[in-house]
Amino acid sequence: MDSEYEEELLAKLAEMREEHSDLDQVISKLMVTPPVDFIQLQRLKKRKLSSQR
């Protein structure tokens, strides 16, 4: 594997980890802030799952 490709993959991984962390924070806040918007919560959870692929 060449170093340029490896750097690109590492950058993408870092980006996905940051997005995943951001989604976790938003989901946590939505779950404890009444009224809970279950539709928005479900959309964020689906987005989080799809970003794991």
N, C-alpha and C. Protein backbone atom coordinates (compact mmCIF):
# COMPACT_ATOMS: atom_id res chain seq x y z
N MET A 1 0.86 -1.18 0.00
CA MET A 1 0.00 0.00 0.00
C MET A 1 0.90 1.24 0.00
N ASP A 2 0.67 2.17 -0.92
CA ASP A 2 1.53 3.35 -0.93
C ASP A 2 1.10 4.35 0.14
N SER A 3 2.02 5.19 0.53
CA SER A 3 1.80 6.08 1.66
C SER A 3 0.71 7.13 1.39
N GLU A 4 0.57 7.56 0.15
CA GLU A 4 -0.47 8.54 -0.19
C GLU A 4 -1.86 7.95 0.02
N TYR A 5 -2.02 6.72 -0.43
CA TYR A 5 -3.30 6.03 -0.26
C TYR A 5 -3.58 5.79 1.22
N GLU A 6 -2.56 5.42 1.96
CA GLU A 6 -2.71 5.18 3.40
C GLU A 6 -3.10 6.46 4.13
N GLU A 7 -2.46 7.57 3.76
CA GLU A 7 -2.79 8.86 4.36
C GLU A 7 -4.23 9.25 4.05
N GLU A 8 -4.67 8.99 2.84
CA GLU A 8 -6.05 9.29 2.44
C GLU A 8 -7.04 8.48 3.28
N LEU A 9 -6.74 7.20 3.48
CA LEU A 9 -7.60 6.35 4.29
C LEU A 9 -7.63 6.81 5.75
N LEU A 10 -6.48 7.18 6.28
CA LEU A 10 -6.42 7.66 7.66
C LEU A 10 -7.19 8.96 7.84
N ALA A 11 -7.13 9.83 6.85
CA ALA A 11 -7.88 11.08 6.90
C ALA A 11 -9.38 10.81 6.87
N LYS A 12 -9.79 9.89 6.01
CA LYS A 12 -11.21 9.53 5.93
C LYS A 12 -11.68 8.90 7.24
N LEU A 13 -10.85 8.05 7.83
CA LEU A 13 -11.18 7.43 9.10
C LEU A 13 -11.34 8.47 10.20
N ALA A 14 -10.44 9.42 10.26
CA ALA A 14 -10.52 10.49 11.25
C ALA A 14 -11.79 11.31 11.07
N GLU A 15 -12.13 11.59 9.82
CA GLU A 15 -13.35 12.35 9.51
C GLU A 15 -14.59 11.58 9.97
N MET A 16 -14.62 10.29 9.69
CA MET A 16 -15.77 9.47 10.08
C MET A 16 -15.88 9.35 11.60
N ARG A 17 -14.76 9.23 12.29
CA ARG A 17 -14.78 9.16 13.75
C ARG A 17 -15.31 10.46 14.35
N GLU A 18 -14.91 11.58 13.78
CA GLU A 18 -15.39 12.87 14.26
C GLU A 18 -16.90 13.01 14.04
N GLU A 19 -17.35 12.63 12.86
CA GLU A 19 -18.79 12.69 12.56
C GLU A 19 -19.56 11.77 13.51
N HIS A 20 -19.02 10.61 13.76
CA HIS A 20 -19.66 9.63 14.64
C HIS A 20 -19.77 10.20 16.05
N SER A 21 -18.70 10.83 16.52
CA SER A 21 -18.70 11.45 17.84
C SER A 21 -19.73 12.59 17.92
N ASP A 22 -19.77 13.41 16.87
CA ASP A 22 -20.74 14.51 16.82
C ASP A 22 -22.16 13.98 16.88
N LEU A 23 -22.43 12.93 16.12
CA LEU A 23 -23.77 12.33 16.13
C LEU A 23 -24.11 11.77 17.50
N ASP A 24 -23.15 11.13 18.16
CA ASP A 24 -23.38 10.63 19.52
C ASP A 24 -23.79 11.75 20.46
N GLN A 25 -23.10 12.88 20.36
CA GLN A 25 -23.41 14.02 21.23
C GLN A 25 -24.82 14.56 20.96
N VAL A 26 -25.17 14.71 19.71
CA VAL A 26 -26.50 15.22 19.37
C VAL A 26 -27.58 14.25 19.82
N ILE A 27 -27.37 12.96 19.60
CA ILE A 27 -28.34 11.95 20.01
C ILE A 27 -28.51 11.98 21.52
N SER A 28 -27.42 12.07 22.26
CA SER A 28 -27.50 12.11 23.73
C SER A 28 -28.29 13.32 24.21
N LYS A 29 -28.04 14.47 23.60
CA LYS A 29 -28.76 15.68 24.00
C LYS A 29 -30.25 15.57 23.67
N LEU A 30 -30.57 15.02 22.51
CA LEU A 30 -31.98 14.87 22.14
C LEU A 30 -32.73 13.94 23.09
N MET A 31 -32.04 12.93 23.58
CA MET A 31 -32.70 11.94 24.44
C MET A 31 -33.04 12.50 25.82
N VAL A 32 -32.34 13.52 26.28
CA VAL A 32 -32.59 14.06 27.62
C VAL A 32 -33.29 15.41 27.61
N THR A 33 -33.53 15.97 26.44
CA THR A 33 -34.16 17.28 26.34
C THR A 33 -35.62 17.14 25.93
N PRO A 34 -36.55 17.35 26.88
CA PRO A 34 -37.96 17.25 26.50
C PRO A 34 -38.38 18.42 25.62
N PRO A 35 -39.32 18.27 24.76
CA PRO A 35 -39.90 17.00 24.32
C PRO A 35 -38.94 16.30 23.36
N VAL A 36 -38.90 15.01 23.45
CA VAL A 36 -38.01 14.21 22.61
C VAL A 36 -38.60 14.12 21.21
N ASP A 37 -37.82 14.50 20.23
CA ASP A 37 -38.23 14.40 18.82
C ASP A 37 -37.79 13.03 18.31
N PHE A 38 -38.68 12.06 18.42
CA PHE A 38 -38.32 10.68 18.09
C PHE A 38 -37.99 10.49 16.60
N ILE A 39 -38.62 11.25 15.76
CA ILE A 39 -38.32 11.15 14.32
C ILE A 39 -36.90 11.63 14.05
N GLN A 40 -36.55 12.78 14.61
CA GLN A 40 -35.19 13.29 14.43
C GLN A 40 -34.18 12.34 15.06
N LEU A 41 -34.50 11.81 16.21
CA LEU A 41 -33.62 10.86 16.89
C LEU A 41 -33.38 9.63 16.02
N GLN A 42 -34.43 9.10 15.43
CA GLN A 42 -34.31 7.92 14.57
C GLN A 42 -33.47 8.23 13.33
N ARG A 43 -33.66 9.40 12.75
CA ARG A 43 -32.87 9.78 11.57
C ARG A 43 -31.38 9.87 11.90
N LEU A 44 -31.08 10.44 13.05
CA LEU A 44 -29.67 10.56 13.45
C LEU A 44 -29.06 9.19 13.72
N LYS A 45 -29.82 8.31 14.33
CA LYS A 45 -29.31 6.96 14.60
C LYS A 45 -29.05 6.21 13.29
N LYS A 46 -29.95 6.37 12.31
CA LYS A 46 -29.74 5.74 11.01
C LYS A 46 -28.51 6.31 10.32
N ARG A 47 -28.34 7.62 10.42
CA ARG A 47 -27.18 8.27 9.81
C ARG A 47 -25.89 7.75 10.46
N LYS A 48 -25.93 7.60 11.78
CA LYS A 48 -24.77 7.09 12.49
C LYS A 48 -24.44 5.66 12.02
N LEU A 49 -25.45 4.84 11.91
CA LEU A 49 -25.22 3.47 11.46
C LEU A 49 -24.69 3.43 10.03
N SER A 50 -25.23 4.28 9.18
CA SER A 50 -24.77 4.25 7.79
C SER A 50 -23.34 4.77 7.64
N SER A 51 -22.90 5.58 8.59
CA SER A 51 -21.53 6.09 8.51
C SER A 51 -20.51 5.08 9.00
N GLN A 52 -20.97 3.97 9.56
CA GLN A 52 -20.05 2.93 10.03
C GLN A 52 -19.60 2.03 8.91
N ARG A 53 -20.20 2.09 7.76
CA ARG A 53 -19.86 1.21 6.65
C ARG A 53 -18.68 1.68 5.88
